[in-house]
Amino acid sequence: MTGEKTGRVLVIVGWAFGLCFVAVIAAAIYLTSPGFLVKMLSSDDVRHRRWAADELVRQGEGAGKRSLALATDTRADAEARRLAVFVLGEIGYRESTPELLALFRGGDPVLREQSAYALGRMGDAAVAPELIGAYEGAPKGVKMKIIAALGELPTERGISLLKRESEAGTDDTLKDAAAYALKKIAEKEKEKGAGAR
Protein backbone atom coordinates (compact mmCIF):
# COMPACT_ATOMS: atom_id res chain seq x y z
CA MET A 1 0.00 0.00 0.00
CA THR A 2 2.80 2.42 0.86
CA GLY A 3 4.38 2.04 -2.57
CA GLU A 4 1.01 2.58 -4.22
CA LYS A 5 0.44 5.79 -2.22
CA THR A 6 3.95 7.00 -3.06
CA GLY A 7 3.28 6.35 -6.75
CA ARG A 8 0.03 8.33 -6.60
CA VAL A 9 1.76 11.20 -4.83
CA LEU A 10 4.51 11.23 -7.45
CA VAL A 11 1.92 11.28 -10.24
CA ILE A 12 0.07 14.16 -8.56
CA VAL A 13 3.32 16.07 -7.99
CA GLY A 14 4.33 15.44 -11.61
CA TRP A 15 1.00 16.76 -12.87
CA ALA A 16 1.28 19.79 -10.59
CA PHE A 17 4.77 20.59 -11.90
CA GLY A 18 3.56 20.08 -15.46
CA LEU A 19 0.62 22.43 -14.95
CA CYS A 20 2.88 25.02 -13.34
CA PHE A 21 5.27 24.76 -16.29
CA VAL A 22 2.43 25.19 -18.78
CA ALA A 23 1.11 28.16 -16.77
CA VAL A 24 4.55 29.82 -16.78
CA ILE A 25 4.90 29.33 -20.55
CA ALA A 26 1.37 30.65 -21.17
CA ALA A 27 2.07 33.69 -18.97
CA ALA A 28 5.34 34.36 -20.80
CA ILE A 29 3.57 34.19 -24.16
CA TYR A 30 0.78 36.47 -22.96
CA LEU A 31 3.13 38.97 -21.35
CA THR A 32 5.10 39.34 -24.58
CA SER A 33 2.10 39.46 -26.93
CA PRO A 34 1.69 42.71 -28.86
CA GLY A 35 -1.83 43.16 -27.48
CA PHE A 36 -0.66 43.05 -23.88
CA LEU A 37 2.39 45.20 -24.56
CA VAL A 38 0.34 47.90 -26.29
CA LYS A 39 -1.97 47.96 -23.25
CA MET A 40 1.11 48.38 -21.05
CA LEU A 41 2.01 51.57 -22.94
CA SER A 42 -0.87 53.11 -20.95
CA SER A 43 0.38 51.82 -17.59
CA ASP A 44 0.58 54.16 -14.61
CA ASP A 45 4.15 52.94 -14.05
CA VAL A 46 6.71 54.65 -16.31
CA ARG A 47 9.00 51.60 -16.11
CA HIS A 48 6.23 49.38 -17.47
CA ARG A 49 5.62 51.80 -20.33
CA ARG A 50 9.30 51.86 -21.28
CA TRP A 51 9.61 48.08 -21.01
CA ALA A 52 6.56 47.62 -23.23
CA ALA A 53 7.90 50.05 -25.85
CA ASP A 54 11.28 48.28 -25.89
CA GLU A 55 9.59 44.87 -26.23
CA LEU A 56 7.38 46.09 -29.06
CA VAL A 57 10.43 47.43 -30.89
CA ARG A 58 12.18 44.11 -30.34
CA GLN A 59 9.22 42.28 -31.88
CA GLY A 60 9.44 44.37 -35.02
CA GLU A 61 6.79 44.68 -37.67
CA GLY A 62 4.40 42.31 -35.90
CA ALA A 63 3.73 45.09 -33.40
CA GLY A 64 2.85 47.61 -36.11
CA LYS A 65 -0.92 47.32 -36.44
CA ARG A 66 -1.65 47.49 -32.71
CA SER A 67 0.84 50.31 -32.18
CA LEU A 68 -0.73 52.25 -35.05
CA ALA A 69 -4.20 51.74 -33.57
CA LEU A 70 -3.03 53.18 -30.24
CA ALA A 71 -1.13 56.06 -31.89
CA THR A 72 -4.29 57.21 -33.65
CA ASP A 73 -6.68 56.58 -30.73
CA THR A 74 -7.67 60.06 -29.56
CA ARG A 75 -9.14 58.58 -26.35
CA ALA A 76 -5.76 57.20 -25.24
CA ASP A 77 -3.45 59.23 -23.04
CA ALA A 78 -0.87 61.39 -24.78
CA GLU A 79 2.19 59.52 -23.48
CA ALA A 80 0.86 56.14 -24.61
CA ARG A 81 0.22 57.60 -28.06
CA ARG A 82 3.70 59.14 -28.16
CA LEU A 83 5.28 55.80 -27.26
CA ALA A 84 3.21 54.03 -29.92
CA VAL A 85 4.48 56.55 -32.51
CA PHE A 86 8.03 55.93 -31.25
CA VAL A 87 7.54 52.18 -31.78
CA LEU A 88 6.24 52.75 -35.33
CA GLY A 89 9.34 54.72 -36.22
CA GLU A 90 11.76 52.29 -34.64
CA ILE A 91 10.26 49.25 -36.38
CA GLY A 92 10.00 51.12 -39.68
CA TYR A 93 6.28 50.44 -40.07
CA ARG A 94 5.79 52.25 -43.38
CA GLU A 95 2.08 51.43 -43.53
CA SER A 96 1.68 54.07 -40.83
CA THR A 97 3.13 56.92 -42.93
CA PRO A 98 -0.24 58.57 -43.77
CA GLU A 99 -1.32 58.49 -40.11
CA LEU A 100 2.05 59.79 -38.91
CA LEU A 101 1.86 62.64 -41.40
CA ALA A 102 -1.62 63.45 -40.07
CA LEU A 103 -0.26 63.50 -36.51
CA PHE A 104 2.64 65.67 -37.69
CA ARG A 105 0.15 68.14 -39.17
CA GLY A 106 -1.96 68.09 -36.00
CA GLY A 107 -2.06 70.50 -33.11
CA ASP A 108 -0.38 68.39 -30.39
CA PRO A 109 3.28 69.49 -30.27
CA VAL A 110 4.46 66.27 -28.55
CA LEU A 111 2.84 64.07 -31.17
CA ARG A 112 4.13 66.39 -33.91
CA GLU A 113 7.67 66.01 -32.55
CA GLN A 114 7.50 62.24 -32.21
CA SER A 115 5.86 61.83 -35.62
CA ALA A 116 8.57 63.88 -37.32
CA TYR A 117 11.24 61.77 -35.68
CA ALA A 118 9.42 58.51 -36.51
CA LEU A 119 9.05 59.53 -40.15
CA GLY A 120 12.78 60.16 -40.30
CA ARG A 121 13.56 56.79 -38.71
CA MET A 122 11.47 55.05 -41.37
CA GLY A 123 13.81 56.43 -44.02
CA ASP A 124 11.24 57.36 -46.66
CA ALA A 125 12.65 60.49 -48.31
CA ALA A 126 9.25 61.17 -49.89
CA VAL A 127 8.12 62.74 -46.59
CA ALA A 128 11.05 65.20 -46.48
CA PRO A 129 9.24 67.98 -48.42
CA GLU A 130 6.41 67.95 -45.86
CA LEU A 131 8.88 68.19 -42.97
CA ILE A 132 10.86 70.94 -44.67
CA GLY A 133 7.70 72.88 -45.51
CA ALA A 134 6.60 72.89 -41.86
CA TYR A 135 9.99 73.89 -40.45
CA GLU A 136 9.79 77.68 -40.44
CA GLY A 137 6.58 78.07 -38.45
CA ALA A 138 7.14 75.13 -36.12
CA PRO A 139 7.85 75.37 -32.37
CA LYS A 140 11.44 74.71 -31.32
CA GLY A 141 10.78 71.12 -30.16
CA VAL A 142 9.21 70.23 -33.48
CA LYS A 143 12.11 71.92 -35.32
CA MET A 144 14.56 69.76 -33.35
CA LYS A 145 12.79 66.59 -34.46
CA ILE A 146 12.52 67.80 -38.06
CA ILE A 147 16.27 68.38 -38.03
CA ALA A 148 16.83 64.88 -36.63
CA ALA A 149 14.53 63.42 -39.29
CA LEU A 150 16.32 65.27 -42.09
CA GLY A 151 19.56 63.77 -40.83
CA GLU A 152 18.01 60.38 -41.64
CA LEU A 153 16.51 61.53 -44.96
CA PRO A 154 19.29 63.14 -46.98
CA THR A 155 17.65 65.16 -49.73
CA GLU A 156 19.01 68.21 -51.51
CA ARG A 157 16.43 70.55 -49.95
CA GLY A 158 16.89 68.97 -46.53
CA ILE A 159 20.66 69.35 -46.65
CA SER A 160 20.21 72.94 -47.75
CA LEU A 161 17.96 73.64 -44.76
CA LEU A 162 20.41 71.94 -42.39
CA LYS A 163 23.33 73.95 -43.78
CA ARG A 164 21.42 77.20 -43.50
CA GLU A 165 20.41 76.44 -39.90
CA SER A 166 23.90 75.29 -38.87
CA GLU A 167 25.61 78.34 -40.39
CA ALA A 168 23.16 81.20 -39.96
CA GLY A 169 20.67 80.03 -37.35
CA THR A 170 20.11 82.20 -34.29
CA ASP A 171 19.38 79.39 -31.81
CA ASP A 172 22.51 77.54 -30.65
CA THR A 173 20.63 74.33 -29.88
CA LEU A 174 19.13 74.19 -33.37
CA LYS A 175 22.50 75.11 -34.92
CA ASP A 176 24.21 72.26 -33.05
CA ALA A 177 21.45 69.82 -33.99
CA ALA A 178 21.69 70.80 -37.67
CA ALA A 179 25.48 70.44 -37.62
CA TYR A 180 25.14 67.00 -36.05
CA ALA A 181 22.55 65.95 -38.67
CA LEU A 182 24.92 67.06 -41.45
CA LYS A 183 27.72 65.09 -39.84
CA LYS A 184 25.52 61.97 -39.79
CA ILE A 185 24.70 62.42 -43.46
CA ALA A 186 28.38 62.83 -44.32
CA GLU A 187 29.30 59.71 -42.34
CA LYS A 188 26.61 57.67 -44.11
CA GLU A 189 27.84 58.89 -47.49
CA LYS A 190 31.40 57.98 -46.51
CA GLU A 191 30.28 54.48 -45.47
CA LYS A 192 28.43 54.04 -48.78
CA GLY A 193 31.56 55.10 -50.66
CA ALA A 194 33.74 52.69 -48.69
CA GLY A 195 31.25 49.88 -49.24
CA ALA A 196 31.19 50.44 -53.01
CA ARG A 197 34.90 49.69 -53.35
C-alpha atoms as a PDB file:
ATOM      1  CA  MET A   1       0.000   0.000   0.000  1.00  0.00           C
ATOM      2  CA  THR A   2       2.799   2.424   0.862  1.00  0.00           C
ATOM      3  CA  GLY A   3       4.381   2.042  -2.568  1.00  0.00           C
ATOM      4  CA  GLU A   4       1.008   2.583  -4.224  1.00  0.00           C
ATOM      5  CA  LYS A   5       0.443   5.795  -2.224  1.00  0.00           C
ATOM      6  CA  THR A   6       3.953   6.999  -3.061  1.00  0.00           C
ATOM      7  CA  GLY A   7       3.278   6.346  -6.747  1.00  0.00           C
ATOM      8  CA  ARG A   8       0.030   8.331  -6.601  1.00  0.00           C
ATOM      9  CA  VAL A   9       1.765  11.200  -4.830  1.00  0.00           C
ATOM     10  CA  LEU A  10       4.509  11.228  -7.448  1.00  0.00           C
ATOM     11  CA  VAL A  11       1.924  11.282 -10.243  1.00  0.00           C
ATOM     12  CA  ILE A  12       0.068  14.162  -8.562  1.00  0.00           C
ATOM     13  CA  VAL A  13       3.317  16.070  -7.995  1.00  0.00           C
ATOM     14  CA  GLY A  14       4.333  15.439 -11.610  1.00  0.00           C
ATOM     15  CA  TRP A  15       1.004  16.757 -12.873  1.00  0.00           C
ATOM     16  CA  ALA A  16       1.277  19.788 -10.585  1.00  0.00           C
ATOM     17  CA  PHE A  17       4.768  20.593 -11.898  1.00  0.00           C
ATOM     18  CA  GLY A  18       3.557  20.080 -15.461  1.00  0.00           C
ATOM     19  CA  LEU A  19       0.616  22.430 -14.953  1.00  0.00           C
ATOM     20  CA  CYS A  20       2.884  25.018 -13.345  1.00  0.00           C
ATOM     21  CA  PHE A  21       5.272  24.756 -16.291  1.00  0.00           C
ATOM     22  CA  VAL A  22       2.429  25.191 -18.782  1.00  0.00           C
ATOM     23  CA  ALA A  23       1.106  28.165 -16.767  1.00  0.00           C
ATOM     24  CA  VAL A  24       4.549  29.824 -16.782  1.00  0.00           C
ATOM     25  CA  ILE A  25       4.904  29.326 -20.548  1.00  0.00           C
ATOM     26  CA  ALA A  26       1.372  30.653 -21.167  1.00  0.00           C
ATOM     27  CA  ALA A  27       2.073  33.687 -18.971  1.00  0.00           C
ATOM     28  CA  ALA A  28       5.336  34.363 -20.799  1.00  0.00           C
ATOM     29  CA  ILE A  29       3.567  34.188 -24.158  1.00  0.00           C
ATOM     30  CA  TYR A  30       0.777  36.471 -22.965  1.00  0.00           C
ATOM     31  CA  LEU A  31       3.134  38.968 -21.347  1.00  0.00           C
ATOM     32  CA  THR A  32       5.097  39.343 -24.578  1.00  0.00           C
ATOM     33  CA  SER A  33       2.102  39.457 -26.930  1.00  0.00           C
ATOM     34  CA  PRO A  34       1.690  42.713 -28.864  1.00  0.00           C
ATOM     35  CA  GLY A  35      -1.826  43.157 -27.482  1.00  0.00           C
ATOM     36  CA  PHE A  36      -0.661  43.051 -23.876  1.00  0.00           C
ATOM     37  CA  LEU A  37       2.387  45.204 -24.563  1.00  0.00           C
ATOM     38  CA  VAL A  38       0.338  47.896 -26.292  1.00  0.00           C
ATOM     39  CA  LYS A  39      -1.970  47.958 -23.254  1.00  0.00           C
ATOM     40  CA  MET A  40       1.112  48.379 -21.051  1.00  0.00           C
ATOM     41  CA  LEU A  41       2.013  51.566 -22.936  1.00  0.00           C
ATOM     42  CA  SER A  42      -0.866  53.110 -20.952  1.00  0.00           C
ATOM     43  CA  SER A  43       0.376  51.820 -17.587  1.00  0.00           C
ATOM     44  CA  ASP A  44       0.583  54.163 -14.614  1.00  0.00           C
ATOM     45  CA  ASP A  45       4.146  52.943 -14.045  1.00  0.00           C
ATOM     46  CA  VAL A  46       6.706  54.651 -16.306  1.00  0.00           C
ATOM     47  CA  ARG A  47       8.997  51.601 -16.115  1.00  0.00           C
ATOM     48  CA  HIS A  48       6.233  49.376 -17.471  1.00  0.00           C
ATOM     49  CA  ARG A  49       5.625  51.799 -20.329  1.00  0.00           C
ATOM     50  CA  ARG A  50       9.302  51.863 -21.284  1.00  0.00           C
ATOM     51  CA  TRP A  51       9.609  48.082 -21.007  1.00  0.00           C
ATOM     52  CA  ALA A  52       6.557  47.620 -23.226  1.00  0.00           C
ATOM     53  CA  ALA A  53       7.903  50.050 -25.853  1.00  0.00           C
ATOM     54  CA  ASP A  54      11.276  48.277 -25.895  1.00  0.00           C
ATOM     55  CA  GLU A  55       9.590  44.869 -26.229  1.00  0.00           C
ATOM     56  CA  LEU A  56       7.379  46.086 -29.062  1.00  0.00           C
ATOM     57  CA  VAL A  57      10.430  47.435 -30.892  1.00  0.00           C
ATOM     58  CA  ARG A  58      12.183  44.110 -30.340  1.00  0.00           C
ATOM     59  CA  GLN A  59       9.219  42.278 -31.875  1.00  0.00           C
ATOM     60  CA  GLY A  60       9.437  44.370 -35.016  1.00  0.00           C
ATOM     61  CA  GLU A  61       6.789  44.680 -37.675  1.00  0.00           C
ATOM     62  CA  GLY A  62       4.402  42.309 -35.900  1.00  0.00           C
ATOM     63  CA  ALA A  63       3.728  45.093 -33.398  1.00  0.00           C
ATOM     64  CA  GLY A  64       2.852  47.615 -36.106  1.00  0.00           C
ATOM     65  CA  LYS A  65      -0.923  47.320 -36.441  1.00  0.00           C
ATOM     66  CA  ARG A  66      -1.650  47.491 -32.711  1.00  0.00           C
ATOM     67  CA  SER A  67       0.841  50.308 -32.183  1.00  0.00           C
ATOM     68  CA  LEU A  68      -0.735  52.245 -35.048  1.00  0.00           C
ATOM     69  CA  ALA A  69      -4.203  51.735 -33.571  1.00  0.00           C
ATOM     70  CA  LEU A  70      -3.025  53.181 -30.242  1.00  0.00           C
ATOM     71  CA  ALA A  71      -1.129  56.056 -31.888  1.00  0.00           C
ATOM     72  CA  THR A  72      -4.288  57.212 -33.648  1.00  0.00           C
ATOM     73  CA  ASP A  73      -6.683  56.582 -30.735  1.00  0.00           C
ATOM     74  CA  THR A  74      -7.672  60.060 -29.560  1.00  0.00           C
ATOM     75  CA  ARG A  75      -9.144  58.584 -26.348  1.00  0.00           C
ATOM     76  CA  ALA A  76      -5.757  57.196 -25.245  1.00  0.00           C
ATOM     77  CA  ASP A  77      -3.447  59.233 -23.043  1.00  0.00           C
ATOM     78  CA  ALA A  78      -0.866  61.389 -24.782  1.00  0.00           C
ATOM     79  CA  GLU A  79       2.192  59.521 -23.477  1.00  0.00           C
ATOM     80  CA  ALA A  80       0.862  56.145 -24.614  1.00  0.00           C
ATOM     81  CA  ARG A  81       0.215  57.605 -28.057  1.00  0.00           C
ATOM     82  CA  ARG A  82       3.699  59.138 -28.157  1.00  0.00           C
ATOM     83  CA  LEU A  83       5.278  55.802 -27.258  1.00  0.00           C
ATOM     84  CA  ALA A  84       3.210  54.035 -29.925  1.00  0.00           C
ATOM     85  CA  VAL A  85       4.485  56.547 -32.514  1.00  0.00           C
ATOM     86  CA  PHE A  86       8.033  55.929 -31.253  1.00  0.00           C
ATOM     87  CA  VAL A  87       7.538  52.181 -31.785  1.00  0.00           C
ATOM     88  CA  LEU A  88       6.238  52.746 -35.325  1.00  0.00           C
ATOM     89  CA  GLY A  89       9.342  54.723 -36.220  1.00  0.00           C
ATOM     90  CA  GLU A  90      11.764  52.294 -34.636  1.00  0.00           C
ATOM     91  CA  ILE A  91      10.259  49.255 -36.379  1.00  0.00           C
ATOM     92  CA  GLY A  92      10.001  51.122 -39.681  1.00  0.00           C
ATOM     93  CA  TYR A  93       6.284  50.442 -40.075  1.00  0.00           C
ATOM     94  CA  ARG A  94       5.785  52.253 -43.382  1.00  0.00           C
ATOM     95  CA  GLU A  95       2.080  51.429 -43.532  1.00  0.00           C
ATOM     96  CA  SER A  96       1.684  54.069 -40.828  1.00  0.00           C
ATOM     97  CA  THR A  97       3.125  56.916 -42.931  1.00  0.00           C
ATOM     98  CA  PRO A  98      -0.243  58.571 -43.772  1.00  0.00           C
ATOM     99  CA  GLU A  99      -1.324  58.493 -40.113  1.00  0.00           C
ATOM    100  CA  LEU A 100       2.045  59.788 -38.909  1.00  0.00           C
ATOM    101  CA  LEU A 101       1.856  62.637 -41.405  1.00  0.00           C
ATOM    102  CA  ALA A 102      -1.621  63.448 -40.073  1.00  0.00           C
ATOM    103  CA  LEU A 103      -0.259  63.502 -36.507  1.00  0.00           C
ATOM    104  CA  PHE A 104       2.635  65.668 -37.694  1.00  0.00           C
ATOM    105  CA  ARG A 105       0.154  68.141 -39.172  1.00  0.00           C
ATOM    106  CA  GLY A 106      -1.965  68.094 -36.002  1.00  0.00           C
ATOM    107  CA  GLY A 107      -2.059  70.502 -33.105  1.00  0.00           C
ATOM    108  CA  ASP A 108      -0.385  68.395 -30.390  1.00  0.00           C
ATOM    109  CA  PRO A 109       3.282  69.486 -30.272  1.00  0.00           C
ATOM    110  CA  VAL A 110       4.455  66.274 -28.550  1.00  0.00           C
ATOM    111  CA  LEU A 111       2.839  64.067 -31.174  1.00  0.00           C
ATOM    112  CA  ARG A 112       4.126  66.387 -33.910  1.00  0.00           C
ATOM    113  CA  GLU A 113       7.668  66.013 -32.550  1.00  0.00           C
ATOM    114  CA  GLN A 114       7.501  62.244 -32.205  1.00  0.00           C
ATOM    115  CA  SER A 115       5.858  61.828 -35.615  1.00  0.00           C
ATOM    116  CA  ALA A 116       8.575  63.879 -37.321  1.00  0.00           C
ATOM    117  CA  TYR A 117      11.240  61.769 -35.676  1.00  0.00           C
ATOM    118  CA  ALA A 118       9.423  58.513 -36.512  1.00  0.00           C
ATOM    119  CA  LEU A 119       9.054  59.535 -40.153  1.00  0.00           C
ATOM    120  CA  GLY A 120      12.784  60.164 -40.297  1.00  0.00           C
ATOM    121  CA  ARG A 121      13.560  56.785 -38.714  1.00  0.00           C
ATOM    122  CA  MET A 122      11.472  55.048 -41.371  1.00  0.00           C
ATOM    123  CA  GLY A 123      13.810  56.428 -44.019  1.00  0.00           C
ATOM    124  CA  ASP A 124      11.243  57.361 -46.659  1.00  0.00           C
ATOM    125  CA  ALA A 125      12.653  60.493 -48.308  1.00  0.00           C
ATOM    126  CA  ALA A 126       9.249  61.165 -49.894  1.00  0.00           C
ATOM    127  CA  VAL A 127       8.122  62.744 -46.593  1.00  0.00           C
ATOM    128  CA  ALA A 128      11.053  65.195 -46.485  1.00  0.00           C
ATOM    129  CA  PRO A 129       9.245  67.979 -48.419  1.00  0.00           C
ATOM    130  CA  GLU A 130       6.406  67.945 -45.856  1.00  0.00           C
ATOM    131  CA  LEU A 131       8.880  68.186 -42.972  1.00  0.00           C
ATOM    132  CA  ILE A 132      10.860  70.936 -44.672  1.00  0.00           C
ATOM    133  CA  GLY A 133       7.704  72.882 -45.505  1.00  0.00           C
ATOM    134  CA  ALA A 134       6.599  72.892 -41.864  1.00  0.00           C
ATOM    135  CA  TYR A 135       9.986  73.885 -40.451  1.00  0.00           C
ATOM    136  CA  GLU A 136       9.790  77.678 -40.439  1.00  0.00           C
ATOM    137  CA  GLY A 137       6.580  78.069 -38.448  1.00  0.00           C
ATOM    138  CA  ALA A 138       7.139  75.133 -36.117  1.00  0.00           C
ATOM    139  CA  PRO A 139       7.846  75.370 -32.372  1.00  0.00           C
ATOM    140  CA  LYS A 140      11.443  74.707 -31.325  1.00  0.00           C
ATOM    141  CA  GLY A 141      10.779  71.124 -30.157  1.00  0.00           C
ATOM    142  CA  VAL A 142       9.215  70.232 -33.483  1.00  0.00           C
ATOM    143  CA  LYS A 143      12.109  71.923 -35.317  1.00  0.00           C
ATOM    144  CA  MET A 144      14.560  69.760 -33.352  1.00  0.00           C
ATOM    145  CA  LYS A 145      12.787  66.593 -34.464  1.00  0.00           C
ATOM    146  CA  ILE A 146      12.524  67.798 -38.058  1.00  0.00           C
ATOM    147  CA  ILE A 147      16.273  68.377 -38.031  1.00  0.00           C
ATOM    148  CA  ALA A 148      16.832  64.881 -36.633  1.00  0.00           C
ATOM    149  CA  ALA A 149      14.534  63.416 -39.295  1.00  0.00           C
ATOM    150  CA  LEU A 150      16.320  65.274 -42.090  1.00  0.00           C
ATOM    151  CA  GLY A 151      19.563  63.766 -40.827  1.00  0.00           C
ATOM    152  CA  GLU A 152      18.014  60.378 -41.639  1.00  0.00           C
ATOM    153  CA  LEU A 153      16.511  61.534 -44.962  1.00  0.00           C
ATOM    154  CA  PRO A 154      19.290  63.139 -46.979  1.00  0.00           C
ATOM    155  CA  THR A 155      17.652  65.160 -49.732  1.00  0.00           C
ATOM    156  CA  GLU A 156      19.010  68.206 -51.506  1.00  0.00           C
ATOM    157  CA  ARG A 157      16.428  70.554 -49.947  1.00  0.00           C
ATOM    158  CA  GLY A 158      16.887  68.967 -46.529  1.00  0.00           C
ATOM    159  CA  ILE A 159      20.660  69.347 -46.650  1.00  0.00           C
ATOM    160  CA  SER A 160      20.211  72.945 -47.750  1.00  0.00           C
ATOM    161  CA  LEU A 161      17.955  73.645 -44.762  1.00  0.00           C
ATOM    162  CA  LEU A 162      20.409  71.941 -42.394  1.00  0.00           C
ATOM    163  CA  LYS A 163      23.332  73.950 -43.780  1.00  0.00           C
ATOM    164  CA  ARG A 164      21.415  77.197 -43.503  1.00  0.00           C
ATOM    165  CA  GLU A 165      20.411  76.438 -39.901  1.00  0.00           C
ATOM    166  CA  SER A 166      23.902  75.287 -38.869  1.00  0.00           C
ATOM    167  CA  GLU A 167      25.613  78.336 -40.387  1.00  0.00           C
ATOM    168  CA  ALA A 168      23.158  81.200 -39.961  1.00  0.00           C
ATOM    169  CA  GLY A 169      20.666  80.032 -37.351  1.00  0.00           C
ATOM    170  CA  THR A 170      20.114  82.196 -34.286  1.00  0.00           C
ATOM    171  CA  ASP A 171      19.380  79.390 -31.805  1.00  0.00           C
ATOM    172  CA  ASP A 172      22.513  77.540 -30.651  1.00  0.00           C
ATOM    173  CA  THR A 173      20.629  74.328 -29.883  1.00  0.00           C
ATOM    174  CA  LEU A 174      19.129  74.190 -33.371  1.00  0.00           C
ATOM    175  CA  LYS A 175      22.504  75.113 -34.919  1.00  0.00           C
ATOM    176  CA  ASP A 176      24.211  72.261 -33.055  1.00  0.00           C
ATOM    177  CA  ALA A 177      21.451  69.815 -33.989  1.00  0.00           C
ATOM    178  CA  ALA A 178      21.693  70.797 -37.670  1.00  0.00           C
ATOM    179  CA  ALA A 179      25.481  70.445 -37.623  1.00  0.00           C
ATOM    180  CA  TYR A 180      25.136  66.997 -36.055  1.00  0.00           C
ATOM    181  CA  ALA A 181      22.554  65.951 -38.675  1.00  0.00           C
ATOM    182  CA  LEU A 182      24.915  67.064 -41.450  1.00  0.00           C
ATOM    183  CA  LYS A 183      27.723  65.090 -39.838  1.00  0.00           C
ATOM    184  CA  LYS A 184      25.517  61.972 -39.785  1.00  0.00           C
ATOM    185  CA  ILE A 185      24.696  62.415 -43.463  1.00  0.00           C
ATOM    186  CA  ALA A 186      28.381  62.828 -44.325  1.00  0.00           C
ATOM    187  CA  GLU A 187      29.298  59.707 -42.341  1.00  0.00           C
ATOM    188  CA  LYS A 188      26.611  57.670 -44.110  1.00  0.00           C
ATOM    189  CA  GLU A 189      27.842  58.889 -47.491  1.00  0.00           C
ATOM    190  CA  LYS A 190      31.401  57.979 -46.507  1.00  0.00           C
ATOM    191  CA  GLU A 191      30.276  54.483 -45.468  1.00  0.00           C
ATOM    192  CA  LYS A 192      28.427  54.040 -48.775  1.00  0.00           C
ATOM    193  CA  GLY A 193      31.558  55.102 -50.660  1.00  0.00           C
ATOM    194  CA  ALA A 194      33.738  52.695 -48.691  1.00  0.00           C
ATOM    195  CA  GLY A 195      31.245  49.884 -49.235  1.00  0.00           C
ATOM    196  CA  ALA A 196      31.195  50.444 -53.006  1.00  0.00           C
ATOM    197  CA  ARG A 197      34.900  49.692 -53.353  1.00  0.00           C
END
